[in-house]
Amino acid sequence: QVQVVESGGALVQPGGSLTLTCAGSGFSVGDVIMTWHRQVEGKAREWVATLAPGGATFYADSVKGRFTVSRDEGKNTLYLQMDSLTLEDTAVYYCQEFDSQTWGQGTQVTVSS
């Protein structure tokens, strides 16, 4: 059974950094397309980043240059390194195993002074 579990969300000050973790089970993160999304209450879920099996990465314009998606195949884990955080980055962040469209429960990131 394919499952993903996010963690690492926290309260952080503007300009700060945070790394989110997505632990996979039932599949290998290195073999599939993995994505990060985020959602603000009352708004549609927004795509943030993609990591393809070959290592190619893609980012939304709003996070390009500030966020980095990566994986550790030995730990079967996906990461999202977030730098230079702004108030607009406040959201619940979700990872997804793209082929099965499996979502995690999300992890809350709050950027506030």
C-alpha atoms as a PDB file:
ATOM      1  CA  GLN A   1       0.000   0.000   0.000  1.00  0.00           C
ATOM      2  CA  VAL A   2       1.400   3.358  -1.060  1.00  0.00           C
ATOM      3  CA  GLN A   3       1.613   5.862   1.790  1.00  0.00           C
ATOM      4  CA  VAL A   4       3.342   9.194   2.363  1.00  0.00           C
ATOM      5  CA  VAL A   5       3.677  11.005   5.681  1.00  0.00           C
ATOM      6  CA  GLU A   6       4.784  14.627   5.935  1.00  0.00           C
ATOM      7  CA  SER A   7       6.501  16.204   8.917  1.00  0.00           C
ATOM      8  CA  GLY A   8       8.638  19.176   9.842  1.00  0.00           C
ATOM      9  CA  GLY A   9       6.118  21.981   9.749  1.00  0.00           C
ATOM     10  CA  ALA A  10       6.621  24.734  12.302  1.00  0.00           C
ATOM     11  CA  LEU A  11       6.293  28.402  13.153  1.00  0.00           C
ATOM     12  CA  VAL A  12       9.177  30.342  11.624  1.00  0.00           C
ATOM     13  CA  GLN A  13      10.027  34.016  11.301  1.00  0.00           C
ATOM     14  CA  PRO A  14      10.117  35.801   7.943  1.00  0.00           C
ATOM     15  CA  GLY A  15      13.464  35.250   6.272  1.00  0.00           C
ATOM     16  CA  GLY A  16      13.953  31.980   8.077  1.00  0.00           C
ATOM     17  CA  SER A  17      14.431  28.449   6.795  1.00  0.00           C
ATOM     18  CA  LEU A  18      12.678  25.144   7.295  1.00  0.00           C
ATOM     19  CA  THR A  19      12.989  21.622   5.898  1.00  0.00           C
ATOM     20  CA  LEU A  20       9.939  19.456   5.372  1.00  0.00           C
ATOM     21  CA  THR A  21      10.142  15.679   5.215  1.00  0.00           C
ATOM     22  CA  CYS A  22       7.944  13.201   3.371  1.00  0.00           C
ATOM     23  CA  ALA A  23       8.465   9.558   4.300  1.00  0.00           C
ATOM     24  CA  GLY A  24       7.312   7.059   1.708  1.00  0.00           C
ATOM     25  CA  SER A  25       6.235   3.456   2.095  1.00  0.00           C
ATOM     26  CA  GLY A  26       4.981   0.855  -0.352  1.00  0.00           C
ATOM     27  CA  PHE A  27       7.092   2.310  -3.144  1.00  0.00           C
ATOM     28  CA  SER A  28      10.550   3.759  -3.811  1.00  0.00           C
ATOM     29  CA  VAL A  29      10.835   7.557  -3.941  1.00  0.00           C
ATOM     30  CA  GLY A  30      13.642   7.259  -6.482  1.00  0.00           C
ATOM     31  CA  ASP A  31      11.463   5.401  -8.980  1.00  0.00           C
ATOM     32  CA  VAL A  32       8.467   7.731  -9.186  1.00  0.00           C
ATOM     33  CA  ILE A  33       7.481  11.347  -9.693  1.00  0.00           C
ATOM     34  CA  MET A  34       7.100  13.069  -6.337  1.00  0.00           C
ATOM     35  CA  THR A  35       5.490  16.454  -5.842  1.00  0.00           C
ATOM     36  CA  TRP A  36       5.002  19.048  -3.135  1.00  0.00           C
ATOM     37  CA  HIS A  37       1.876  21.181  -2.939  1.00  0.00           C
ATOM     38  CA  ARG A  38       0.512  23.665  -0.451  1.00  0.00           C
ATOM     39  CA  GLN A  39      -2.893  24.942   0.502  1.00  0.00           C
ATOM     40  CA  VAL A  40      -4.143  27.999   2.323  1.00  0.00           C
ATOM     41  CA  GLU A  41      -7.501  27.575   4.031  1.00  0.00           C
ATOM     42  CA  GLY A  42     -10.257  28.604   1.689  1.00  0.00           C
ATOM     43  CA  LYS A  43      -8.056  28.461  -1.389  1.00  0.00           C
ATOM     44  CA  ALA A  44      -7.228  25.802  -3.958  1.00  0.00           C
ATOM     45  CA  ARG A  45      -4.253  23.521  -3.445  1.00  0.00           C
ATOM     46  CA  GLU A  46      -1.202  24.951  -5.221  1.00  0.00           C
ATOM     47  CA  TRP A  47       1.623  23.009  -6.841  1.00  0.00           C
ATOM     48  CA  VAL A  48       5.044  23.894  -5.417  1.00  0.00           C
ATOM     49  CA  ALA A  49       7.692  21.514  -6.740  1.00  0.00           C
ATOM     50  CA  THR A  50       8.331  18.232  -8.567  1.00  0.00           C
ATOM     51  CA  LEU A  51      11.204  15.760  -8.447  1.00  0.00           C
ATOM     52  CA  ALA A  52      11.359  13.290 -11.317  1.00  0.00           C
ATOM     53  CA  PRO A  53      12.954   9.835 -11.143  1.00  0.00           C
ATOM     54  CA  GLY A  54      15.937  10.964 -13.216  1.00  0.00           C
ATOM     55  CA  GLY A  55      16.595  13.842 -10.850  1.00  0.00           C
ATOM     56  CA  ALA A  56      15.057  16.710 -12.800  1.00  0.00           C
ATOM     57  CA  THR A  57      13.395  19.313 -10.606  1.00  0.00           C
ATOM     58  CA  PHE A  58      10.663  21.821 -11.341  1.00  0.00           C
ATOM     59  CA  TYR A  59       9.400  24.710  -9.241  1.00  0.00           C
ATOM     60  CA  ALA A  60       6.534  27.136  -9.161  1.00  0.00           C
ATOM     61  CA  ASP A  61       7.637  30.667  -9.967  1.00  0.00           C
ATOM     62  CA  SER A  62       6.619  31.776  -6.472  1.00  0.00           C
ATOM     63  CA  VAL A  63       9.253  29.542  -4.834  1.00  0.00           C
ATOM     64  CA  LYS A  64      11.942  29.268  -7.509  1.00  0.00           C
ATOM     65  CA  GLY A  65      15.357  30.142  -6.107  1.00  0.00           C
ATOM     66  CA  ARG A  66      14.149  29.763  -2.514  1.00  0.00           C
ATOM     67  CA  PHE A  67      12.916  26.160  -2.252  1.00  0.00           C
ATOM     68  CA  THR A  68      14.828  22.975  -3.078  1.00  0.00           C
ATOM     69  CA  VAL A  69      13.317  19.519  -3.478  1.00  0.00           C
ATOM     70  CA  SER A  70      15.527  16.483  -2.927  1.00  0.00           C
ATOM     71  CA  ARG A  71      15.375  12.849  -1.868  1.00  0.00           C
ATOM     72  CA  ASP A  72      17.287  10.248   0.083  1.00  0.00           C
ATOM     73  CA  GLU A  73      16.630   6.883  -1.542  1.00  0.00           C
ATOM     74  CA  GLY A  74      18.254   5.013   1.327  1.00  0.00           C
ATOM     75  CA  LYS A  75      15.727   6.526   3.719  1.00  0.00           C
ATOM     76  CA  ASN A  76      12.968   6.490   1.093  1.00  0.00           C
ATOM     77  CA  THR A  77      12.305  10.112   1.975  1.00  0.00           C
ATOM     78  CA  LEU A  78      11.554  13.293   0.055  1.00  0.00           C
ATOM     79  CA  TYR A  79      12.561  16.708   1.358  1.00  0.00           C
ATOM     80  CA  LEU A  80      11.615  20.312   0.739  1.00  0.00           C
ATOM     81  CA  GLN A  81      14.230  22.809   1.882  1.00  0.00           C
ATOM     82  CA  MET A  82      12.594  26.222   2.202  1.00  0.00           C
ATOM     83  CA  ASP A  83      14.742  29.358   2.550  1.00  0.00           C
ATOM     84  CA  SER A  84      13.958  33.070   2.690  1.00  0.00           C
ATOM     85  CA  LEU A  85      10.449  32.318   3.865  1.00  0.00           C
ATOM     86  CA  THR A  86       7.788  35.007   3.561  1.00  0.00           C
ATOM     87  CA  LEU A  87       4.337  35.474   5.065  1.00  0.00           C
ATOM     88  CA  GLU A  88       2.895  34.240   1.766  1.00  0.00           C
ATOM     89  CA  ASP A  89       4.504  30.827   2.298  1.00  0.00           C
ATOM     90  CA  THR A  90       2.167  30.133   5.215  1.00  0.00           C
ATOM     91  CA  ALA A  91       0.121  27.046   4.286  1.00  0.00           C
ATOM     92  CA  VAL A  92      -0.402  23.361   4.873  1.00  0.00           C
ATOM     93  CA  TYR A  93       2.197  21.523   2.800  1.00  0.00           C
ATOM     94  CA  TYR A  94       1.451  18.161   1.220  1.00  0.00           C
ATOM     95  CA  CYS A  95       3.578  15.664  -0.632  1.00  0.00           C
ATOM     96  CA  GLN A  96       2.192  13.381  -3.288  1.00  0.00           C
ATOM     97  CA  GLU A  97       3.222  10.163  -4.994  1.00  0.00           C
ATOM     98  CA  PHE A  98       2.128  11.231  -8.433  1.00  0.00           C
ATOM     99  CA  ASP A  99       1.369   7.930 -10.175  1.00  0.00           C
ATOM    100  CA  SER A 100      -1.065   6.700  -7.530  1.00  0.00           C
ATOM    101  CA  GLN A 101      -2.217  10.229  -6.632  1.00  0.00           C
ATOM    102  CA  THR A 102      -1.544   9.417  -2.990  1.00  0.00           C
ATOM    103  CA  TRP A 103      -1.501  12.370  -0.608  1.00  0.00           C
ATOM    104  CA  GLY A 104      -0.255  12.675   2.932  1.00  0.00           C
ATOM    105  CA  GLN A 105      -2.083  14.377   5.774  1.00  0.00           C
ATOM    106  CA  GLY A 106      -0.090  17.586   5.393  1.00  0.00           C
ATOM    107  CA  THR A 107       2.123  19.599   7.721  1.00  0.00           C
ATOM    108  CA  GLN A 108       1.477  23.193   8.771  1.00  0.00           C
ATOM    109  CA  VAL A 109       4.031  25.891   8.008  1.00  0.00           C
ATOM    110  CA  THR A 110       3.377  29.279   9.565  1.00  0.00           C
ATOM    111  CA  VAL A 111       5.591  32.248   8.771  1.00  0.00           C
ATOM    112  CA  SER A 112       5.033  35.015  11.276  1.00  0.00           C
ATOM    113  CA  SER A 113       6.961  37.543  13.307  1.00  0.00           C
END
